[in-house]
Amino acid sequence: MILPTSLSSTNCPSIPANKTTMSKGLALITGINGFIAARTALTFLQAGYRVRGTARSLHSTKPLLSAIPAELVANLEIVEVPDITIPGAFDQAIKGVTTVAHLASPIFLTSTAPGPVLKAAVEGTQRVLESALTEPTVKSFTLMSSVAAIIDTESPNAHYDESNWNESSERLVRELGNEVPGYILYFASKTAAEKALWKFRDEHKPAFKIAAVNPVYVAGPPVVVPETRDKIHGTTKLISDVYSGIELAKSGLPGAFPSYVDVRDVARVILFGAENPEKVDGERFLLSGYHVPAQAVADILRERYPEREGVIEKGEPGQGYEKGYGYPKERVYDGSKVVRVTGEGYIPWEKTVVDFVESVKAIL
């Protein structure tokens, strides 16, 4: 039931949780409707946390509430924050929170006016940090950044890791203005938001620990299964396209370098940071498991679903990718740091592919 409450700093309603006596703490997850955020919320709930999520509207969260298991949903609370850039937008939502996962971010992959996109990315990050600074219960803060803040499209490297920064996208936005391609604007927004995070840390020296996670394309089973195929999350399009019989050359996002990580790994790393803040403080984590062009996906799916051999293009089995789905030496996104720190490897790519298909098969 939706009830009016003073919890939202914008005096908007929230869906309150029935708080349990046994809890590891209260996690604030912004943008909880998102593909990654929904999985992160479920992961925290399964680990024994209470979760407070923010969304632009309560109505949009109904599918998520229906998808969360009944034994966990009582520990999930949704707060409506229509504009994350307003000063104080999170002041009430932050009350009593022990860990923050800031996952809300604008995604505009088509060209648009850059001002509002960069404003939402940077100021949204600043507003959550400012609110966290006022709440003594906050112990850790994780920003969902992106590999887009690491790779540089103008000066590509053969090897990328957490030491690299995207040095060109923000400049290109300034130079091109409204003519900037959507993907460059997205790269610039993620870079600017993460820079704002580290600048805040340097200037304010908060008591809570800070980390950033920088995933490549994220795939895997969604918590909320879309109603139709066209609403499947964009970064999982490669798998759904291949399974549905789209030509391999036309599958996935156009022009994309096919580097992937499982959504469950992303959520696991965010949880690890909340439970081990000292181990992640001041660190970036490039989350990058596999290099998987369409042929690799087709080979997995044709073996797993032999009844679809007439649908899934055969292509040239075994060609165009490394054994174990490793990166070609010409371009490596090195995601090994997080394995060393957490002590846990990435979910096998075959499992990511099959689990995704099984979760959404009804709409493919």
Protein backbone atom coordinates (compact mmCIF):
# COMPACT_ATOMS: atom_id res chain seq x y z
CA MET A 1 0.00 0.00 0.00
CA ILE A 2 1.27 3.49 -0.83
CA LEU A 3 1.13 5.78 2.14
CA PRO A 4 2.04 9.47 2.59
CA THR A 5 5.11 9.96 4.73
CA SER A 6 7.67 12.57 5.57
CA LEU A 7 10.51 10.24 4.57
CA SER A 8 11.01 11.76 1.14
CA SER A 9 12.81 15.09 1.21
CA THR A 10 10.57 16.20 -1.64
CA ASN A 11 7.46 15.46 0.45
CA CYS A 12 6.54 12.67 -1.96
CA PRO A 13 5.09 9.35 -0.85
CA SER A 14 7.00 6.20 -0.11
CA ILE A 15 6.25 2.54 0.32
CA PRO A 16 7.40 1.73 3.87
CA ALA A 17 9.10 -1.48 4.89
CA ASN A 18 8.09 -3.62 7.83
CA LYS A 19 11.40 -3.50 9.65
CA THR A 20 12.69 -6.73 11.10
CA THR A 21 14.70 -6.98 14.31
CA MET A 22 17.53 -8.95 12.67
CA SER A 23 19.39 -6.91 10.07
CA LYS A 24 22.97 -6.22 9.01
CA GLY A 25 22.02 -2.60 8.41
CA LEU A 26 20.14 -0.34 6.04
CA ALA A 27 21.35 0.04 2.45
CA LEU A 28 20.29 2.99 0.31
CA ILE A 29 20.20 2.05 -3.38
CA THR A 30 19.44 4.90 -5.76
CA GLY A 31 17.71 4.25 -9.08
CA ILE A 32 16.39 0.94 -7.75
CA ASN A 33 14.32 0.30 -10.90
CA GLY A 34 17.43 -0.26 -12.99
CA PHE A 35 18.63 -3.63 -14.26
CA ILE A 36 21.75 -3.57 -12.06
CA ALA A 37 20.12 -1.79 -9.12
CA ALA A 38 17.26 -4.30 -8.87
CA ARG A 39 19.74 -7.17 -8.74
CA THR A 40 21.81 -5.27 -6.17
CA ALA A 41 18.73 -4.73 -4.00
CA LEU A 42 17.88 -8.44 -4.12
CA THR A 43 21.48 -9.37 -3.28
CA PHE A 44 21.50 -7.10 -0.23
CA LEU A 45 18.13 -8.42 0.92
CA GLN A 46 19.34 -12.01 0.58
CA ALA A 47 22.44 -11.10 2.61
CA GLY A 48 20.31 -9.88 5.53
CA TYR A 49 20.13 -6.12 4.93
CA ARG A 50 17.14 -3.86 4.90
CA VAL A 51 17.01 -1.88 1.67
CA ARG A 52 15.70 1.59 0.97
CA GLY A 53 15.52 2.30 -2.74
CA THR A 54 14.88 5.55 -4.55
CA ALA A 55 12.96 5.97 -7.79
CA ARG A 56 11.55 8.87 -9.75
CA SER A 57 8.04 7.53 -9.18
CA LEU A 58 6.55 4.92 -6.87
CA HIS A 59 4.26 3.58 -9.58
CA SER A 60 7.24 2.48 -11.67
CA THR A 61 8.50 0.22 -8.87
CA LYS A 62 5.45 -2.04 -8.69
CA PRO A 63 6.96 -4.71 -10.97
CA LEU A 64 10.06 -4.82 -8.76
CA LEU A 65 8.01 -5.21 -5.59
CA SER A 66 6.12 -8.06 -7.23
CA ALA A 67 9.36 -9.76 -8.30
CA ILE A 68 11.06 -9.73 -4.88
CA PRO A 69 10.35 -12.94 -2.91
CA ALA A 70 7.59 -12.54 -0.32
CA GLU A 71 9.90 -13.40 2.56
CA LEU A 72 12.22 -10.52 1.62
CA VAL A 73 9.92 -7.77 0.36
CA ALA A 74 8.99 -6.73 3.91
CA ASN A 75 12.54 -5.40 4.25
CA LEU A 76 12.34 -3.28 1.11
CA GLU A 77 11.25 0.35 1.22
CA ILE A 78 10.81 2.64 -1.80
CA VAL A 79 11.20 6.41 -1.64
CA GLU A 80 10.18 8.72 -4.45
CA VAL A 81 12.85 11.26 -5.43
CA PRO A 82 11.67 12.90 -8.68
CA ASP A 83 14.77 15.08 -9.14
CA ILE A 84 18.09 13.84 -7.77
CA THR A 85 19.85 17.12 -8.60
CA ILE A 86 17.90 19.25 -6.10
CA PRO A 87 19.96 20.22 -3.02
CA GLY A 88 18.83 18.10 -0.09
CA ALA A 89 17.04 15.60 -2.34
CA PHE A 90 18.37 12.68 -0.27
CA ASP A 91 18.51 14.31 3.18
CA GLN A 92 15.58 12.34 4.56
CA ALA A 93 16.18 9.16 2.58
CA ILE A 94 19.67 8.92 4.06
CA LYS A 95 18.44 8.79 7.66
CA GLY A 96 19.69 5.68 9.45
CA VAL A 97 21.47 4.34 6.36
CA THR A 98 24.69 2.37 6.89
CA THR A 99 25.79 1.90 3.28
CA VAL A 100 25.01 3.71 0.02
CA ALA A 101 25.06 2.34 -3.53
CA HIS A 102 24.54 5.22 -5.93
CA LEU A 103 23.34 3.55 -9.13
CA ALA A 104 20.95 6.18 -10.50
CA SER A 105 22.38 7.73 -13.65
CA PRO A 106 21.11 9.21 -16.92
CA ILE A 107 21.53 6.99 -19.99
CA PHE A 108 21.24 8.73 -23.34
CA LEU A 109 22.76 6.71 -26.17
CA THR A 110 21.29 8.97 -28.83
CA SER A 111 22.57 12.48 -29.38
CA THR A 112 20.90 15.09 -27.20
CA ALA A 113 21.66 18.39 -25.47
CA PRO A 114 24.61 17.60 -23.18
CA GLY A 115 23.81 20.08 -20.41
CA PRO A 116 20.95 18.21 -18.68
CA VAL A 117 22.72 14.85 -18.99
CA LEU A 118 25.96 16.04 -17.40
CA LYS A 119 24.03 17.98 -14.76
CA ALA A 120 22.07 14.91 -13.70
CA ALA A 121 25.18 12.71 -13.59
CA VAL A 122 27.41 15.11 -11.66
CA GLU A 123 24.90 16.85 -9.42
CA GLY A 124 23.06 13.63 -8.67
CA THR A 125 26.31 12.17 -7.36
CA GLN A 126 27.08 15.33 -5.40
CA ARG A 127 23.62 15.43 -3.79
CA VAL A 128 23.86 11.86 -2.47
CA LEU A 129 27.36 12.48 -1.15
CA GLU A 130 26.29 15.71 0.54
CA SER A 131 23.43 13.95 2.27
CA ALA A 132 25.67 11.06 3.31
CA LEU A 133 28.06 13.54 4.87
CA THR A 134 25.31 14.67 7.27
CA GLU A 135 24.39 11.16 8.46
CA PRO A 136 26.82 9.64 11.01
CA THR A 137 25.47 6.13 10.48
CA VAL A 138 26.87 5.92 6.92
CA LYS A 139 29.96 3.71 6.81
CA SER A 140 30.48 3.15 3.09
CA PHE A 141 29.58 4.61 -0.30
CA THR A 142 29.86 2.91 -3.69
CA LEU A 143 29.39 4.69 -7.01
CA MET A 144 28.32 2.82 -10.10
CA SER A 145 30.75 4.23 -12.62
CA SER A 146 31.60 2.48 -15.88
CA VAL A 147 34.37 1.24 -18.13
CA ALA A 148 33.38 4.38 -20.06
CA ALA A 149 35.31 6.38 -17.45
CA ILE A 150 38.41 4.26 -18.12
CA ILE A 151 38.74 3.77 -21.87
CA ASP A 152 39.66 6.61 -24.21
CA THR A 153 38.17 6.46 -27.69
CA GLU A 154 40.72 8.91 -29.10
CA SER A 155 43.81 7.19 -27.70
CA PRO A 156 42.98 3.48 -27.43
CA ASN A 157 45.33 1.30 -25.40
CA ALA A 158 46.17 -2.37 -25.75
CA HIS A 159 45.65 -2.83 -22.01
CA TYR A 160 43.20 -1.07 -19.71
CA ASP A 161 42.96 -1.28 -15.94
CA GLU A 162 41.89 0.93 -13.03
CA SER A 163 44.84 3.29 -13.54
CA ASN A 164 43.43 4.54 -16.84
CA TRP A 165 41.05 7.46 -17.30
CA ASN A 166 38.94 8.63 -20.20
CA GLU A 167 40.69 11.87 -21.09
CA SER A 168 38.83 12.90 -24.24
CA SER A 169 35.05 12.60 -23.91
CA GLU A 170 34.41 15.67 -21.75
CA ARG A 171 36.48 17.79 -24.11
CA LEU A 172 34.63 16.43 -27.13
CA VAL A 173 31.31 17.33 -25.50
CA ARG A 174 32.51 20.91 -25.04
CA GLU A 175 33.71 21.09 -28.63
CA LEU A 176 30.73 19.44 -30.33
CA GLY A 177 27.90 20.71 -28.15
CA ASN A 178 24.48 19.49 -29.28
CA GLU A 179 26.10 17.62 -32.18
CA VAL A 180 27.97 15.25 -29.88
CA PRO A 181 27.24 11.55 -30.56
CA GLY A 182 25.17 9.93 -27.84
CA TYR A 183 27.81 7.38 -26.86
CA ILE A 184 30.43 10.10 -26.31
CA LEU A 185 27.96 12.01 -24.15
CA TYR A 186 27.37 8.86 -22.11
CA PHE A 187 31.13 8.34 -21.72
CA ALA A 188 31.53 11.95 -20.62
CA SER A 189 28.69 11.72 -18.09
CA LYS A 190 30.16 8.64 -16.42
CA THR A 191 33.63 10.17 -16.36
CA ALA A 192 32.40 13.47 -14.92
CA ALA A 193 30.33 11.74 -12.26
CA GLU A 194 33.24 9.64 -11.07
CA LYS A 195 35.58 12.63 -11.05
CA ALA A 196 33.01 14.39 -8.86
CA LEU A 197 33.14 11.44 -6.45
CA TRP A 198 36.90 11.58 -5.97
CA LYS A 199 36.94 15.38 -5.81
CA PHE A 200 34.35 15.25 -3.02
CA ARG A 201 36.44 12.69 -1.16
CA ASP A 202 39.57 14.83 -1.43
CA GLU A 203 37.83 18.04 -0.38
CA HIS A 204 35.55 16.78 2.41
CA LYS A 205 37.48 13.76 3.73
CA PRO A 206 34.32 11.97 4.89
CA ALA A 207 34.41 9.40 7.67
CA PHE A 208 32.73 6.83 5.43
CA LYS A 209 34.71 4.73 2.95
CA ILE A 210 34.35 5.35 -0.79
CA ALA A 211 34.78 3.09 -3.83
CA ALA A 212 33.77 3.01 -7.48
CA VAL A 213 32.85 0.03 -9.65
CA ASN A 214 33.46 0.29 -13.39
CA PRO A 215 31.70 -2.55 -15.21
CA VAL A 216 31.87 -3.33 -18.90
CA TYR A 217 28.62 -4.43 -20.57
CA VAL A 218 26.43 -6.20 -18.02
CA ALA A 219 24.39 -9.29 -18.82
CA GLY A 220 22.58 -12.02 -16.94
CA PRO A 221 19.09 -12.75 -15.61
CA PRO A 222 16.95 -9.73 -14.72
CA VAL A 223 15.09 -9.57 -11.42
CA VAL A 224 12.12 -8.07 -13.24
CA VAL A 225 11.30 -9.87 -16.49
CA PRO A 226 10.11 -7.34 -19.11
CA GLU A 227 6.67 -7.73 -20.64
CA THR A 228 8.02 -7.78 -24.20
CA ARG A 229 11.31 -8.54 -25.96
CA ASP A 230 11.84 -4.94 -27.04
CA LYS A 231 12.04 -3.91 -23.38
CA ILE A 232 14.94 -6.23 -22.56
CA HIS A 233 17.89 -4.34 -21.09
CA GLY A 234 20.14 -3.02 -23.87
CA THR A 235 23.40 -4.61 -22.78
CA THR A 236 21.82 -8.09 -22.85
CA LYS A 237 20.67 -7.53 -26.43
CA LEU A 238 23.54 -9.61 -27.81
CA ILE A 239 22.19 -12.79 -26.21
CA SER A 240 18.53 -12.19 -27.00
CA ASP A 241 19.35 -11.29 -30.60
CA VAL A 242 21.40 -14.42 -31.23
CA TYR A 243 18.83 -16.68 -29.54
CA SER A 244 16.03 -15.10 -31.60
CA GLY A 245 17.80 -15.74 -34.91
CA ILE A 246 19.11 -12.28 -35.70
CA GLU A 247 22.14 -12.43 -38.00
CA LEU A 248 25.33 -12.65 -35.96
CA ALA A 249 26.77 -9.61 -37.73
CA LYS A 250 23.74 -7.56 -36.67
CA SER A 251 23.37 -8.86 -33.10
CA GLY A 252 24.06 -6.74 -30.04
CA LEU A 253 24.79 -3.04 -29.83
CA PRO A 254 26.15 -1.53 -33.07
CA GLY A 255 29.91 -1.04 -33.06
CA ALA A 256 30.30 -2.32 -29.52
CA PHE A 257 33.44 -4.05 -28.25
CA PRO A 258 31.82 -7.17 -26.73
CA SER A 259 33.20 -7.19 -23.18
CA TYR A 260 30.88 -8.56 -20.50
CA VAL A 261 30.34 -9.22 -16.82
CA ASP A 262 27.42 -10.92 -15.07
CA VAL A 263 24.98 -8.62 -13.26
CA ARG A 264 25.18 -10.91 -10.24
CA ASP A 265 28.93 -10.31 -10.05
CA VAL A 266 28.37 -6.55 -10.10
CA ALA A 267 25.88 -6.82 -7.25
CA ARG A 268 28.23 -9.15 -5.34
CA VAL A 269 31.10 -6.67 -5.57
CA ILE A 270 28.91 -3.81 -4.34
CA LEU A 271 27.85 -5.98 -1.39
CA PHE A 272 31.50 -6.87 -0.74
CA GLY A 273 32.32 -3.17 -0.47
CA ALA A 274 29.53 -2.65 2.06
CA GLU A 275 30.75 -5.53 4.19
CA ASN A 276 34.48 -4.83 3.76
CA PRO A 277 34.75 -1.05 3.50
CA GLU A 278 38.39 -0.93 4.60
CA LYS A 279 39.40 -3.24 1.73
CA VAL A 280 37.83 -1.10 -0.99
CA ASP A 281 38.32 2.44 0.34
CA GLY A 282 39.69 4.78 -2.32
CA GLU A 283 39.66 2.08 -4.98
CA ARG A 284 38.22 1.68 -8.46
CA PHE A 285 37.25 -1.77 -9.69
CA LEU A 286 37.09 -2.57 -13.39
CA LEU A 287 34.56 -5.42 -13.60
CA SER A 288 35.39 -7.28 -16.78
CA GLY A 289 34.99 -11.01 -17.15
CA TYR A 290 34.92 -11.99 -20.80
CA HIS A 291 35.33 -11.00 -24.44
CA VAL A 292 32.39 -12.60 -26.23
CA PRO A 293 31.48 -11.75 -29.82
CA ALA A 294 28.23 -13.03 -31.26
CA GLN A 295 29.85 -16.24 -32.53
CA ALA A 296 30.75 -17.24 -28.98
CA VAL A 297 27.15 -16.71 -27.88
CA ALA A 298 25.83 -18.67 -30.86
CA ASP A 299 28.11 -21.62 -30.10
CA ILE A 300 26.88 -21.77 -26.50
CA LEU A 301 23.22 -21.48 -27.44
CA ARG A 302 23.31 -23.99 -30.30
CA GLU A 303 24.85 -26.56 -27.97
CA ARG A 304 22.46 -25.84 -25.10
CA TYR A 305 19.34 -25.59 -27.27
CA PRO A 306 19.79 -28.06 -30.16
CA GLU A 307 16.12 -27.69 -31.05
CA ARG A 308 16.93 -24.11 -32.18
CA GLU A 309 19.76 -24.99 -34.55
CA GLY A 310 17.51 -23.98 -37.42
CA VAL A 311 16.91 -20.59 -35.81
CA ILE A 312 20.29 -19.61 -34.35
CA GLU A 313 22.82 -18.81 -37.07
CA LYS A 314 25.68 -21.30 -37.16
CA GLY A 315 28.33 -18.89 -38.37
CA GLU A 316 31.87 -20.25 -38.05
CA PRO A 317 31.92 -22.26 -34.81
CA GLY A 318 34.90 -21.62 -32.57
CA GLN A 319 36.17 -18.71 -34.64
CA GLY A 320 36.78 -15.10 -33.61
CA TYR A 321 37.20 -15.58 -29.88
CA GLU A 322 39.70 -16.98 -27.40
CA LYS A 323 39.37 -20.19 -25.45
CA GLY A 324 37.75 -19.35 -22.13
CA TYR A 325 36.50 -16.08 -23.70
CA GLY A 326 39.70 -14.21 -22.84
CA TYR A 327 40.58 -10.88 -24.40
CA PRO A 328 42.62 -10.61 -27.59
CA LYS A 329 46.09 -9.25 -26.89
CA GLU A 330 45.34 -6.20 -29.01
CA ARG A 331 42.74 -4.98 -26.50
CA VAL A 332 42.49 -6.16 -22.91
CA TYR A 333 40.11 -4.91 -20.23
CA ASP A 334 41.88 -6.24 -17.15
CA GLY A 335 39.33 -7.15 -14.47
CA SER A 336 41.71 -9.15 -12.30
CA LYS A 337 42.04 -6.67 -9.44
CA VAL A 338 38.57 -7.35 -8.05
CA VAL A 339 39.26 -11.10 -8.12
CA ARG A 340 42.37 -10.57 -6.00
CA VAL A 341 40.60 -8.29 -3.54
CA THR A 342 37.38 -10.27 -3.11
CA GLY A 343 38.91 -13.72 -3.49
CA GLU A 344 36.14 -14.75 -5.89
CA GLY A 345 36.19 -15.17 -9.66
CA TYR A 346 33.60 -14.24 -12.25
CA ILE A 347 30.50 -16.30 -12.97
CA PRO A 348 31.23 -18.50 -16.03
CA TRP A 349 30.03 -16.91 -19.24
CA GLU A 350 28.10 -20.01 -20.27
CA LYS A 351 26.06 -19.72 -17.07
CA THR A 352 25.38 -16.04 -17.72
CA VAL A 353 24.04 -16.81 -21.20
CA VAL A 354 21.88 -19.78 -20.25
CA ASP A 355 20.52 -18.23 -17.05
CA PHE A 356 19.53 -15.12 -18.99
CA VAL A 357 17.73 -17.10 -21.69
CA GLU A 358 15.93 -19.27 -19.16
CA SER A 359 14.75 -16.19 -17.24
CA VAL A 360 13.28 -14.43 -20.30
CA LYS A 361 12.51 -17.35 -22.62
CA ALA A 362 8.78 -16.66 -22.44
CA ILE A 363 9.18 -13.33 -24.25
CA LEU A 364 11.83 -14.29 -26.81
